[in-house]
Amino acid sequence: LRAVFAELAQDNKPGFAVAPAVLLFQEIRNADLAALQTHIAAAYPGIPYVRATFTTSGTEDGASGAQCAYYRNDLLDEVVASHADIATGASRNSDRWLFTLDGYTSSAARFYVYSSHLKASNTSADAAERNTGAQALRTNANALGAGQHIIFAGDYNLYTSGEAAYQTMLAAGNAQCFDPLGTADWTGAGNAIKHTQSPRSV
């Protein structure tokens, strides 16, 4: 795990590589927090990562766990009052955090981050529950108003780009999403670069 973290600070593009400003995790239980903190500190020695507001419920902690974010407080500040839990089905909440660039107060220097873990498995009922979760995310984010800077991330458990939840995230509105990896299907070895959930296998 530490090796994976360390690789995140590398970059295969021209220029210089830096450790990420924000790290997002899904399926984190209360019992996992201390070990996670230890791994982050070991992977990024000397870099001041701070855990953002962490919330969990009995159903989340007793199952797969909750959402967790760490951020570099030499680069960012968390606006704690803007943290929100959004119920997305399957006894899970998505978390919303608001970060501002350290030392700046302009609205242009702030951004929201949503971390989610939507329902797994590939039945029609599972897909419907994922879409319910996606609708909850969009309702929350749309209510922030136009022109916000928003990053949606996490384990959406989507099977195709035609799935209703994916299309909900791409639909027009204040918080319309744009997938940086493209909207075509991502199955097969040729699309392994898009396999963000489990890139070790096809």
N, C-alpha and C. Protein backbone atom coordinates (compact mmCIF):
# COMPACT_ATOMS: atom_id res chain seq x y z
N LEU A 1 0.82 -1.20 0.00
CA LEU A 1 0.00 0.00 0.00
C LEU A 1 0.86 1.26 0.00
N ARG A 2 1.93 1.22 0.78
CA ARG A 2 2.83 2.39 0.81
C ARG A 2 3.48 2.62 -0.54
N ALA A 3 3.81 1.54 -1.24
CA ALA A 3 4.40 1.67 -2.56
C ALA A 3 3.43 2.32 -3.54
N VAL A 4 2.15 1.96 -3.44
CA VAL A 4 1.14 2.57 -4.29
C VAL A 4 1.04 4.06 -3.99
N PHE A 5 1.03 4.42 -2.71
CA PHE A 5 0.98 5.83 -2.34
C PHE A 5 2.17 6.58 -2.92
N ALA A 6 3.36 5.99 -2.77
CA ALA A 6 4.57 6.66 -3.26
C ALA A 6 4.51 6.88 -4.76
N GLU A 7 3.95 5.91 -5.49
CA GLU A 7 3.84 6.06 -6.94
C GLU A 7 2.94 7.23 -7.33
N LEU A 8 1.99 7.57 -6.47
CA LEU A 8 1.10 8.69 -6.77
C LEU A 8 1.86 10.01 -6.84
N ALA A 9 3.02 10.06 -6.21
CA ALA A 9 3.82 11.28 -6.23
C ALA A 9 4.76 11.33 -7.42
N GLN A 10 4.73 10.31 -8.27
CA GLN A 10 5.54 10.29 -9.47
C GLN A 10 4.70 10.80 -10.64
N ASP A 11 5.35 11.18 -11.72
CA ASP A 11 4.62 11.73 -12.85
C ASP A 11 5.35 11.34 -14.12
N ASN A 12 4.60 10.84 -15.11
CA ASN A 12 5.23 10.46 -16.37
C ASN A 12 5.09 11.55 -17.43
N LYS A 13 4.80 12.77 -16.98
CA LYS A 13 4.69 13.90 -17.89
C LYS A 13 5.88 14.83 -17.68
N PRO A 14 6.21 15.66 -18.68
CA PRO A 14 7.30 16.63 -18.50
C PRO A 14 7.01 17.56 -17.33
N GLY A 15 8.05 18.00 -16.66
CA GLY A 15 7.90 18.88 -15.52
C GLY A 15 8.32 18.19 -14.25
N PHE A 16 7.86 18.70 -13.12
CA PHE A 16 8.25 18.10 -11.85
C PHE A 16 7.04 17.44 -11.20
N ALA A 17 7.32 16.40 -10.44
CA ALA A 17 6.27 15.65 -9.78
C ALA A 17 6.15 16.11 -8.33
N VAL A 18 4.92 16.16 -7.84
CA VAL A 18 4.67 16.53 -6.45
C VAL A 18 3.68 15.54 -5.86
N ALA A 19 3.71 15.43 -4.56
CA ALA A 19 2.73 14.57 -3.87
C ALA A 19 1.34 15.18 -4.04
N PRO A 20 0.32 14.35 -4.18
CA PRO A 20 -1.04 14.87 -4.41
C PRO A 20 -1.50 15.82 -3.31
N ALA A 21 -2.32 16.79 -3.70
CA ALA A 21 -2.87 17.73 -2.73
C ALA A 21 -3.96 17.08 -1.90
N VAL A 22 -4.72 16.16 -2.50
CA VAL A 22 -5.81 15.49 -1.81
C VAL A 22 -5.75 13.99 -2.11
N LEU A 23 -5.93 13.18 -1.08
CA LEU A 23 -6.03 11.73 -1.22
C LEU A 23 -7.42 11.32 -0.76
N LEU A 24 -8.11 10.53 -1.57
CA LEU A 24 -9.46 10.08 -1.24
C LEU A 24 -9.49 8.57 -1.09
N PHE A 25 -10.24 8.10 -0.11
CA PHE A 25 -10.35 6.68 0.17
C PHE A 25 -11.81 6.30 0.38
N GLN A 26 -12.14 5.09 -0.03
CA GLN A 26 -13.45 4.51 0.24
C GLN A 26 -13.26 3.28 1.12
N GLU A 27 -14.34 2.85 1.75
CA GLU A 27 -14.35 1.65 2.59
C GLU A 27 -13.36 1.75 3.75
N ILE A 28 -13.40 2.89 4.46
CA ILE A 28 -12.54 3.09 5.62
C ILE A 28 -13.39 3.02 6.89
N ARG A 29 -13.04 2.10 7.76
CA ARG A 29 -13.72 1.97 9.05
C ARG A 29 -12.95 2.73 10.12
N ASN A 30 -13.60 3.00 11.24
CA ASN A 30 -12.90 3.66 12.34
C ASN A 30 -11.62 2.92 12.71
N ALA A 31 -11.69 1.59 12.67
CA ALA A 31 -10.53 0.78 13.06
C ALA A 31 -9.38 0.90 12.06
N ASP A 32 -9.65 1.42 10.86
CA ASP A 32 -8.61 1.54 9.83
C ASP A 32 -7.84 2.85 9.88
N LEU A 33 -8.36 3.83 10.61
CA LEU A 33 -7.82 5.19 10.52
C LEU A 33 -6.36 5.27 10.97
N ALA A 34 -6.02 4.63 12.07
CA ALA A 34 -4.65 4.73 12.58
C ALA A 34 -3.65 4.12 11.59
N ALA A 35 -3.98 2.96 11.03
CA ALA A 35 -3.07 2.32 10.08
C ALA A 35 -2.95 3.15 8.81
N LEU A 36 -4.06 3.71 8.35
CA LEU A 36 -4.01 4.54 7.16
C LEU A 36 -3.11 5.75 7.38
N GLN A 37 -3.25 6.40 8.52
CA GLN A 37 -2.40 7.55 8.84
C GLN A 37 -0.92 7.14 8.84
N THR A 38 -0.61 5.98 9.40
CA THR A 38 0.77 5.50 9.44
C THR A 38 1.32 5.28 8.03
N HIS A 39 0.53 4.67 7.17
CA HIS A 39 0.97 4.40 5.80
C HIS A 39 1.21 5.70 5.02
N ILE A 40 0.33 6.67 5.19
CA ILE A 40 0.48 7.94 4.48
C ILE A 40 1.74 8.65 4.95
N ALA A 41 1.96 8.69 6.25
CA ALA A 41 3.15 9.36 6.79
C ALA A 41 4.43 8.69 6.31
N ALA A 42 4.41 7.36 6.21
CA ALA A 42 5.60 6.63 5.76
C ALA A 42 5.86 6.82 4.27
N ALA A 43 4.78 6.92 3.48
CA ALA A 43 4.93 7.06 2.03
C ALA A 43 5.34 8.47 1.63
N TYR A 44 4.96 9.46 2.45
CA TYR A 44 5.24 10.87 2.11
C TYR A 44 5.94 11.55 3.28
N PRO A 45 7.16 11.15 3.60
CA PRO A 45 7.84 11.73 4.77
C PRO A 45 8.02 13.24 4.61
N GLY A 46 7.67 13.95 5.65
CA GLY A 46 7.86 15.40 5.65
C GLY A 46 6.74 16.19 5.00
N ILE A 47 5.77 15.51 4.41
CA ILE A 47 4.66 16.22 3.76
C ILE A 47 3.47 16.24 4.72
N PRO A 48 2.93 17.41 5.01
CA PRO A 48 1.92 17.54 6.08
C PRO A 48 0.51 17.20 5.63
N TYR A 49 0.19 15.91 5.64
CA TYR A 49 -1.17 15.49 5.33
C TYR A 49 -2.03 15.52 6.60
N VAL A 50 -3.23 16.04 6.47
CA VAL A 50 -4.18 16.14 7.57
C VAL A 50 -5.47 15.46 7.14
N ARG A 51 -6.07 14.71 8.04
CA ARG A 51 -7.34 14.08 7.72
C ARG A 51 -8.45 15.13 7.74
N ALA A 52 -9.23 15.18 6.67
CA ALA A 52 -10.39 16.07 6.62
C ALA A 52 -11.49 15.49 7.50
N THR A 53 -12.55 16.23 7.66
CA THR A 53 -13.67 15.79 8.48
C THR A 53 -14.06 14.36 8.10
N PHE A 54 -14.07 13.49 9.09
CA PHE A 54 -14.40 12.09 8.87
C PHE A 54 -15.67 11.74 9.63
N THR A 55 -16.63 11.20 8.93
CA THR A 55 -17.88 10.77 9.56
C THR A 55 -18.20 9.35 9.11
N THR A 56 -18.77 8.60 10.00
CA THR A 56 -19.22 7.26 9.65
C THR A 56 -20.47 6.95 10.46
N SER A 57 -21.24 6.02 9.98
CA SER A 57 -22.43 5.60 10.70
C SER A 57 -22.26 4.14 11.09
N GLY A 58 -23.15 3.67 11.95
CA GLY A 58 -23.07 2.27 12.35
C GLY A 58 -23.20 1.32 11.18
N THR A 59 -24.07 1.68 10.23
CA THR A 59 -24.24 0.79 9.08
C THR A 59 -23.01 0.82 8.18
N GLU A 60 -22.41 1.98 8.01
CA GLU A 60 -21.20 2.07 7.18
C GLU A 60 -20.04 1.33 7.85
N ASP A 61 -19.82 1.63 9.11
CA ASP A 61 -18.67 1.06 9.79
C ASP A 61 -18.82 -0.45 9.98
N GLY A 62 -20.04 -0.92 10.10
CA GLY A 62 -20.26 -2.34 10.26
C GLY A 62 -20.22 -3.11 8.96
N ALA A 63 -20.21 -2.38 7.85
CA ALA A 63 -20.14 -3.02 6.53
C ALA A 63 -18.77 -2.73 5.93
N SER A 64 -18.73 -2.09 4.81
CA SER A 64 -17.46 -1.89 4.13
C SER A 64 -16.69 -0.68 4.62
N GLY A 65 -17.36 0.28 5.24
CA GLY A 65 -16.67 1.46 5.72
C GLY A 65 -17.15 2.72 5.02
N ALA A 66 -16.56 3.84 5.41
CA ALA A 66 -17.00 5.17 4.96
C ALA A 66 -15.96 5.82 4.05
N GLN A 67 -16.23 7.07 3.70
CA GLN A 67 -15.33 7.86 2.87
C GLN A 67 -14.32 8.59 3.76
N CYS A 68 -13.11 8.77 3.24
CA CYS A 68 -12.08 9.45 4.02
C CYS A 68 -11.22 10.28 3.07
N ALA A 69 -10.83 11.47 3.53
CA ALA A 69 -9.97 12.35 2.72
C ALA A 69 -8.82 12.85 3.57
N TYR A 70 -7.67 12.89 2.96
CA TYR A 70 -6.50 13.55 3.53
C TYR A 70 -6.07 14.65 2.58
N TYR A 71 -5.64 15.78 3.13
CA TYR A 71 -5.21 16.89 2.28
C TYR A 71 -3.93 17.50 2.84
N ARG A 72 -3.18 18.12 1.96
CA ARG A 72 -1.94 18.79 2.35
C ARG A 72 -2.28 20.17 2.90
N ASN A 73 -2.04 20.37 4.19
CA ASN A 73 -2.40 21.67 4.76
C ASN A 73 -1.35 22.74 4.53
N ASP A 74 -0.29 22.40 3.77
CA ASP A 74 0.61 23.45 3.30
C ASP A 74 0.10 24.05 1.99
N LEU A 75 -0.91 23.41 1.40
CA LEU A 75 -1.49 23.88 0.14
C LEU A 75 -2.95 24.27 0.27
N LEU A 76 -3.68 23.58 1.15
CA LEU A 76 -5.13 23.72 1.22
C LEU A 76 -5.61 23.91 2.65
N ASP A 77 -6.80 24.48 2.76
CA ASP A 77 -7.52 24.54 4.02
C ASP A 77 -8.90 23.94 3.79
N GLU A 78 -9.42 23.22 4.79
CA GLU A 78 -10.78 22.70 4.70
C GLU A 78 -11.75 23.68 5.33
N VAL A 79 -12.86 23.90 4.65
CA VAL A 79 -13.97 24.67 5.23
C VAL A 79 -14.89 23.65 5.91
N VAL A 80 -14.67 23.43 7.18
CA VAL A 80 -15.31 22.33 7.89
C VAL A 80 -16.83 22.45 7.87
N ALA A 81 -17.33 23.67 7.96
CA ALA A 81 -18.78 23.87 8.01
C ALA A 81 -19.48 23.43 6.73
N SER A 82 -18.72 23.27 5.65
CA SER A 82 -19.32 22.88 4.37
C SER A 82 -19.29 21.37 4.14
N HIS A 83 -18.79 20.61 5.11
CA HIS A 83 -18.80 19.16 4.96
C HIS A 83 -20.24 18.66 4.99
N ALA A 84 -20.52 17.65 4.16
CA ALA A 84 -21.87 17.07 4.13
C ALA A 84 -21.80 15.58 3.89
N ASP A 85 -22.74 14.86 4.48
CA ASP A 85 -22.97 13.45 4.19
C ASP A 85 -24.20 13.36 3.32
N ILE A 86 -24.11 12.60 2.23
CA ILE A 86 -25.23 12.44 1.31
C ILE A 86 -25.56 10.96 1.23
N ALA A 87 -26.76 10.59 1.62
CA ALA A 87 -27.18 9.19 1.56
C ALA A 87 -27.31 8.77 0.10
N THR A 88 -26.61 7.69 -0.28
CA THR A 88 -26.60 7.24 -1.67
C THR A 88 -27.03 5.78 -1.82
N GLY A 89 -27.69 5.23 -0.80
CA GLY A 89 -28.17 3.86 -0.88
C GLY A 89 -27.16 2.84 -0.39
N ALA A 90 -27.59 1.60 -0.27
CA ALA A 90 -26.74 0.50 0.16
C ALA A 90 -26.10 0.77 1.53
N SER A 91 -26.81 1.51 2.39
CA SER A 91 -26.33 1.87 3.72
C SER A 91 -25.04 2.68 3.67
N ARG A 92 -24.86 3.45 2.59
CA ARG A 92 -23.63 4.21 2.41
C ARG A 92 -23.93 5.68 2.23
N ASN A 93 -23.01 6.51 2.70
CA ASN A 93 -23.05 7.94 2.46
C ASN A 93 -21.88 8.35 1.59
N SER A 94 -22.13 9.30 0.72
CA SER A 94 -21.03 10.00 0.06
C SER A 94 -20.68 11.20 0.94
N ASP A 95 -19.43 11.63 0.88
CA ASP A 95 -18.99 12.79 1.64
C ASP A 95 -18.64 13.92 0.69
N ARG A 96 -18.95 15.14 1.13
CA ARG A 96 -18.57 16.35 0.38
C ARG A 96 -17.69 17.20 1.27
N TRP A 97 -16.54 17.59 0.71
CA TRP A 97 -15.63 18.50 1.40
C TRP A 97 -15.43 19.75 0.54
N LEU A 98 -15.19 20.87 1.19
CA LEU A 98 -14.84 22.11 0.50
C LEU A 98 -13.43 22.50 0.91
N PHE A 99 -12.56 22.68 -0.08
CA PHE A 99 -11.19 23.08 0.16
C PHE A 99 -10.92 24.44 -0.49
N THR A 100 -10.08 25.23 0.15
CA THR A 100 -9.63 26.49 -0.42
C THR A 100 -8.11 26.47 -0.51
N LEU A 101 -7.58 27.15 -1.51
CA LEU A 101 -6.13 27.28 -1.60
C LEU A 101 -5.64 28.08 -0.40
N ASP A 102 -4.61 27.59 0.25
CA ASP A 102 -4.10 28.21 1.46
C ASP A 102 -3.73 29.67 1.20
N GLY A 103 -4.30 30.56 2.00
CA GLY A 103 -3.98 31.97 1.88
C GLY A 103 -4.87 32.75 0.93
N TYR A 104 -5.84 32.09 0.32
CA TYR A 104 -6.74 32.76 -0.63
C TYR A 104 -8.17 32.71 -0.12
N THR A 105 -8.94 33.74 -0.43
CA THR A 105 -10.33 33.79 0.00
C THR A 105 -11.30 33.87 -1.18
N SER A 106 -10.80 34.07 -2.38
CA SER A 106 -11.65 34.20 -3.56
C SER A 106 -12.40 32.90 -3.83
N SER A 107 -13.62 33.02 -4.35
CA SER A 107 -14.39 31.82 -4.71
C SER A 107 -13.70 31.05 -5.83
N ALA A 108 -12.87 31.73 -6.62
CA ALA A 108 -12.14 31.05 -7.69
C ALA A 108 -11.05 30.14 -7.13
N ALA A 109 -10.71 30.30 -5.85
CA ALA A 109 -9.63 29.52 -5.24
C ALA A 109 -10.18 28.43 -4.34
N ARG A 110 -11.41 28.00 -4.58
CA ARG A 110 -11.99 26.94 -3.76
C ARG A 110 -12.61 25.87 -4.66
N PHE A 111 -12.68 24.66 -4.14
CA PHE A 111 -13.28 23.57 -4.90
C PHE A 111 -13.88 22.54 -3.95
N TYR A 112 -14.94 21.91 -4.43
CA TYR A 112 -15.60 20.84 -3.69
C TYR A 112 -15.09 19.49 -4.18
N VAL A 113 -15.03 18.54 -3.27
CA VAL A 113 -14.67 17.16 -3.60
C VAL A 113 -15.74 16.25 -3.02
N TYR A 114 -16.26 15.38 -3.87
CA TYR A 114 -17.22 14.36 -3.44
C TYR A 114 -16.54 13.00 -3.56
N SER A 115 -16.63 12.20 -2.51
CA SER A 115 -16.12 10.83 -2.54
C SER A 115 -17.30 9.89 -2.32
N SER A 116 -17.42 8.88 -3.18
CA SER A 116 -18.59 8.01 -3.15
C SER A 116 -18.21 6.55 -3.30
N HIS A 117 -19.07 5.71 -2.78
CA HIS A 117 -18.96 4.26 -2.98
C HIS A 117 -20.38 3.76 -3.24
N LEU A 118 -20.74 3.68 -4.51
CA LEU A 118 -22.10 3.30 -4.87
C LEU A 118 -22.26 1.79 -4.85
N LYS A 119 -23.51 1.36 -4.92
CA LYS A 119 -23.87 -0.06 -4.81
C LYS A 119 -23.15 -0.91 -5.85
N ALA A 120 -22.64 -2.05 -5.41
CA ALA A 120 -21.95 -2.97 -6.31
C ALA A 120 -22.92 -3.98 -6.91
N SER A 121 -22.40 -4.81 -7.78
CA SER A 121 -23.07 -5.92 -8.46
C SER A 121 -23.90 -5.45 -9.65
N ASN A 122 -24.25 -6.42 -10.50
CA ASN A 122 -24.71 -6.08 -11.84
C ASN A 122 -26.14 -6.54 -12.13
N THR A 123 -27.01 -6.51 -11.13
CA THR A 123 -28.41 -6.78 -11.39
C THR A 123 -29.12 -5.46 -11.72
N SER A 124 -30.34 -5.55 -12.24
CA SER A 124 -31.09 -4.33 -12.54
C SER A 124 -31.40 -3.56 -11.27
N ALA A 125 -31.63 -4.27 -10.16
CA ALA A 125 -31.89 -3.59 -8.89
C ALA A 125 -30.66 -2.85 -8.39
N ASP A 126 -29.48 -3.46 -8.57
CA ASP A 126 -28.23 -2.80 -8.17
C ASP A 126 -28.01 -1.54 -9.00
N ALA A 127 -28.24 -1.64 -10.30
CA ALA A 127 -28.06 -0.48 -11.18
C ALA A 127 -29.04 0.63 -10.81
N ALA A 128 -30.26 0.25 -10.46
CA ALA A 128 -31.25 1.26 -10.06
C ALA A 128 -30.82 1.96 -8.79
N GLU A 129 -30.24 1.21 -7.84
CA GLU A 129 -29.79 1.82 -6.60
C GLU A 129 -28.60 2.73 -6.84
N ARG A 130 -27.71 2.35 -7.75
CA ARG A 130 -26.60 3.24 -8.11
C ARG A 130 -27.14 4.55 -8.69
N ASN A 131 -28.17 4.44 -9.52
CA ASN A 131 -28.71 5.66 -10.12
C ASN A 131 -29.38 6.54 -9.06
N THR A 132 -30.03 5.92 -8.09
CA THR A 132 -30.59 6.70 -6.98
C THR A 132 -29.49 7.47 -6.26
N GLY A 133 -28.35 6.80 -6.05
CA GLY A 133 -27.21 7.47 -5.43
C GLY A 133 -26.67 8.60 -6.28
N ALA A 134 -26.56 8.37 -7.59
CA ALA A 134 -26.08 9.41 -8.49
C ALA A 134 -27.03 10.61 -8.50
N GLN A 135 -28.32 10.34 -8.45
CA GLN A 135 -29.29 11.43 -8.41
C GLN A 135 -29.14 12.25 -7.14
N ALA A 136 -28.86 11.58 -6.02
CA ALA A 136 -28.65 12.30 -4.76
C ALA A 136 -27.41 13.19 -4.84
N LEU A 137 -26.36 12.68 -5.47
CA LEU A 137 -25.14 13.48 -5.64
C LEU A 137 -25.41 14.72 -6.48
N ARG A 138 -26.10 14.51 -7.61
CA ARG A 138 -26.38 15.64 -8.49
C ARG A 138 -27.30 16.66 -7.82
N THR A 139 -28.29 16.20 -7.08
CA THR A 139 -29.19 17.13 -6.39
C THR A 139 -28.41 18.00 -5.42
N ASN A 140 -27.52 17.37 -4.65
CA ASN A 140 -26.71 18.11 -3.69
C ASN A 140 -25.78 19.10 -4.39
N ALA A 141 -25.09 18.63 -5.42
CA ALA A 141 -24.12 19.48 -6.10
C ALA A 141 -24.80 20.57 -6.93
N ASN A 142 -25.91 20.25 -7.57
CA ASN A 142 -26.62 21.26 -8.34
C ASN A 142 -27.06 22.42 -7.45
N ALA A 143 -27.41 22.11 -6.20
CA ALA A 143 -27.89 23.13 -5.26
C ALA A 143 -26.79 24.11 -4.86
N LEU A 144 -25.53 23.78 -5.14
CA LEU A 144 -24.43 24.71 -4.84
C LEU A 144 -24.44 25.91 -5.78
N GLY A 145 -25.15 25.79 -6.89
CA GLY A 145 -25.24 26.88 -7.85
C GLY A 145 -24.29 26.70 -9.01
N ALA A 146 -24.43 27.58 -9.97
CA ALA A 146 -23.62 27.50 -11.20
C ALA A 146 -22.19 27.97 -10.93
N GLY A 147 -21.28 27.46 -11.75
CA GLY A 147 -19.90 27.95 -11.74
C GLY A 147 -19.03 27.42 -10.62
N GLN A 148 -19.46 26.39 -9.91
CA GLN A 148 -18.63 25.82 -8.85
C GLN A 148 -17.58 24.89 -9.44
N HIS A 149 -16.47 24.76 -8.74
CA HIS A 149 -15.42 23.81 -9.13
C HIS A 149 -15.63 22.56 -8.29
N ILE A 150 -15.91 21.44 -8.96
CA ILE A 150 -16.29 20.21 -8.26
C ILE A 150 -15.54 19.02 -8.86
N ILE A 151 -15.03 18.18 -7.98
CA ILE A 151 -14.43 16.90 -8.38
C ILE A 151 -15.27 15.79 -7.78
N PHE A 152 -15.76 14.90 -8.63
CA PHE A 152 -16.46 13.69 -8.17
C PHE A 152 -15.50 12.52 -8.33
N ALA A 153 -15.34 11.74 -7.28
CA ALA A 153 -14.41 10.61 -7.35
C ALA A 153 -14.94 9.47 -6.48
N GLY A 154 -14.31 8.32 -6.60
CA GLY A 154 -14.66 7.20 -5.76
C GLY A 154 -14.90 5.93 -6.54
N ASP A 155 -15.57 4.99 -5.90
CA ASP A 155 -15.87 3.69 -6.47
C ASP A 155 -17.36 3.69 -6.84
N TYR A 156 -17.64 3.97 -8.11
CA TYR A 156 -19.03 4.06 -8.55
C TYR A 156 -19.60 2.71 -8.97
N ASN A 157 -18.76 1.70 -9.09
CA ASN A 157 -19.20 0.34 -9.44
C ASN A 157 -20.02 0.31 -10.73
N LEU A 158 -19.67 1.14 -11.68
CA LEU A 158 -20.37 1.19 -12.96
C LEU A 158 -19.84 0.11 -13.89
N TYR A 159 -20.74 -0.45 -14.69
CA TYR A 159 -20.35 -1.54 -15.59
C TYR A 159 -20.23 -1.08 -17.03
N THR A 160 -21.01 -0.11 -17.44
CA THR A 160 -20.90 0.43 -18.80
C THR A 160 -21.19 1.92 -18.76
N SER A 161 -20.74 2.60 -19.80
CA SER A 161 -21.01 4.03 -19.89
C SER A 161 -22.47 4.32 -20.23
N GLY A 162 -23.23 3.29 -20.61
CA GLY A 162 -24.64 3.47 -20.87
C GLY A 162 -25.52 3.35 -19.63
N GLU A 163 -24.91 2.99 -18.51
CA GLU A 163 -25.69 2.79 -17.29
C GLU A 163 -26.32 4.11 -16.84
N ALA A 164 -27.51 3.99 -16.26
CA ALA A 164 -28.28 5.18 -15.89
C ALA A 164 -27.52 6.09 -14.93
N ALA A 165 -26.81 5.52 -13.95
CA ALA A 165 -26.08 6.35 -12.98
C ALA A 165 -25.01 7.19 -13.67
N TYR A 166 -24.33 6.59 -14.63
CA TYR A 166 -23.29 7.32 -15.36
C TYR A 166 -23.91 8.46 -16.15
N GLN A 167 -25.01 8.18 -16.81
CA GLN A 167 -25.68 9.20 -17.59
C GLN A 167 -26.25 10.31 -16.69
N THR A 168 -26.67 9.95 -15.49
CA THR A 168 -27.13 10.96 -14.54
C THR A 168 -26.01 11.92 -14.20
N MET A 169 -24.81 11.40 -14.01
CA MET A 169 -23.68 12.27 -13.68
C MET A 169 -23.30 13.18 -14.85
N LEU A 170 -23.54 12.73 -16.08
CA LEU A 170 -23.18 13.52 -17.26
C LEU A 170 -24.27 14.49 -17.69
N ALA A 171 -25.46 14.37 -17.11
CA ALA A 171 -26.60 15.17 -17.57
C ALA A 171 -26.37 16.66 -17.33
N ALA A 172 -27.00 17.48 -18.14
CA ALA A 172 -26.85 18.93 -18.05
C ALA A 172 -27.33 19.43 -16.70
N GLY A 173 -26.77 20.54 -16.26
CA GLY A 173 -27.15 21.14 -14.99
C GLY A 173 -25.96 21.83 -14.36
N ASN A 174 -26.18 22.43 -13.19
CA ASN A 174 -25.10 23.17 -12.53
C ASN A 174 -23.86 22.31 -12.29
N ALA A 175 -24.05 21.05 -11.94
CA ALA A 175 -22.92 20.18 -11.59
C ALA A 175 -22.71 19.09 -12.64
N GLN A 176 -22.91 19.43 -13.89
CA GLN A 176 -22.69 18.45 -14.96
C GLN A 176 -21.25 17.94 -14.92
N CYS A 177 -21.09 16.63 -15.01
CA CYS A 177 -19.76 16.02 -14.94
C CYS A 177 -19.16 15.82 -16.32
N PHE A 178 -17.85 15.85 -16.36
CA PHE A 178 -17.10 15.56 -17.57
C PHE A 178 -16.04 14.53 -17.21
N ASP A 179 -16.09 13.38 -17.86
CA ASP A 179 -15.18 12.28 -17.56
C ASP A 179 -13.86 12.51 -18.29
N PRO A 180 -12.76 12.70 -17.57
CA PRO A 180 -11.48 12.97 -18.23
C PRO A 180 -10.96 11.81 -19.06
N LEU A 181 -11.49 10.60 -18.83
CA LEU A 181 -11.06 9.43 -19.58
C LEU A 181 -11.97 9.14 -20.76
N GLY A 182 -12.95 9.98 -21.00
CA GLY A 182 -13.85 9.77 -22.13
C GLY A 182 -15.07 8.98 -21.73
N THR A 183 -16.09 9.01 -22.57
CA THR A 183 -17.36 8.39 -22.23
C THR A 183 -17.61 7.08 -22.97
N ALA A 184 -16.66 6.60 -23.75
CA ALA A 184 -16.84 5.31 -24.43
C ALA A 184 -16.72 4.17 -23.43
N ASP A 185 -17.16 2.97 -23.81
CA ASP A 185 -17.05 1.82 -22.92
C ASP A 185 -15.59 1.54 -22.58
N TRP A 186 -15.38 0.92 -21.43
CA TRP A 186 -14.02 0.75 -20.92
C TRP A 186 -13.65 -0.71 -20.68
N THR A 187 -14.39 -1.65 -21.29
CA THR A 187 -14.08 -3.06 -21.08
C THR A 187 -12.88 -3.47 -21.91
N GLY A 188 -12.21 -4.55 -21.49
CA GLY A 188 -11.12 -5.14 -22.26
C GLY A 188 -9.76 -4.57 -21.92
N ALA A 189 -8.73 -5.35 -22.27
CA ALA A 189 -7.35 -4.98 -21.95
C ALA A 189 -6.93 -3.67 -22.60
N GLY A 190 -7.49 -3.38 -23.78
CA GLY A 190 -7.13 -2.15 -24.46
C GLY A 190 -7.54 -0.90 -23.72
N ASN A 191 -8.46 -1.05 -22.78
CA ASN A 191 -8.92 0.09 -21.99
C ASN A 191 -8.44 0.02 -20.54
N ALA A 192 -7.38 -0.74 -20.30
CA ALA A 192 -6.91 -0.93 -18.92
C ALA A 192 -6.56 0.38 -18.23
N ILE A 193 -6.12 1.38 -19.00
CA ILE A 193 -5.77 2.66 -18.39
C ILE A 193 -6.98 3.31 -17.73
N LYS A 194 -8.18 2.92 -18.15
CA LYS A 194 -9.40 3.49 -17.58
C LYS A 194 -9.92 2.69 -16.38
N HIS A 195 -9.28 1.58 -16.07
CA HIS A 195 -9.80 0.70 -15.03
C HIS A 195 -9.36 1.23 -13.66
N THR A 196 -9.99 2.31 -13.23
CA THR A 196 -9.58 2.97 -12.00
C THR A 196 -9.98 2.20 -10.75
N GLN A 197 -10.96 1.30 -10.86
CA GLN A 197 -11.35 0.55 -9.67
C GLN A 197 -10.34 -0.56 -9.37
N SER A 198 -9.96 -1.32 -10.39
CA SER A 198 -9.03 -2.43 -10.17
C SER A 198 -8.15 -2.61 -11.41
N PRO A 199 -7.13 -1.75 -11.55
CA PRO A 199 -6.31 -1.80 -12.77
C PRO A 199 -5.38 -3.00 -12.85
N ARG A 200 -5.34 -3.85 -11.83
CA ARG A 200 -4.44 -5.00 -11.84
C ARG A 200 -4.97 -6.12 -12.73
N SER A 201 -6.27 -6.08 -13.08
CA SER A 201 -6.83 -7.15 -13.91
C SER A 201 -7.88 -6.59 -14.82
N VAL A 202 -8.20 -7.33 -15.91
CA VAL A 202 -9.18 -6.88 -16.90
C VAL A 202 -10.56 -7.35 -16.48
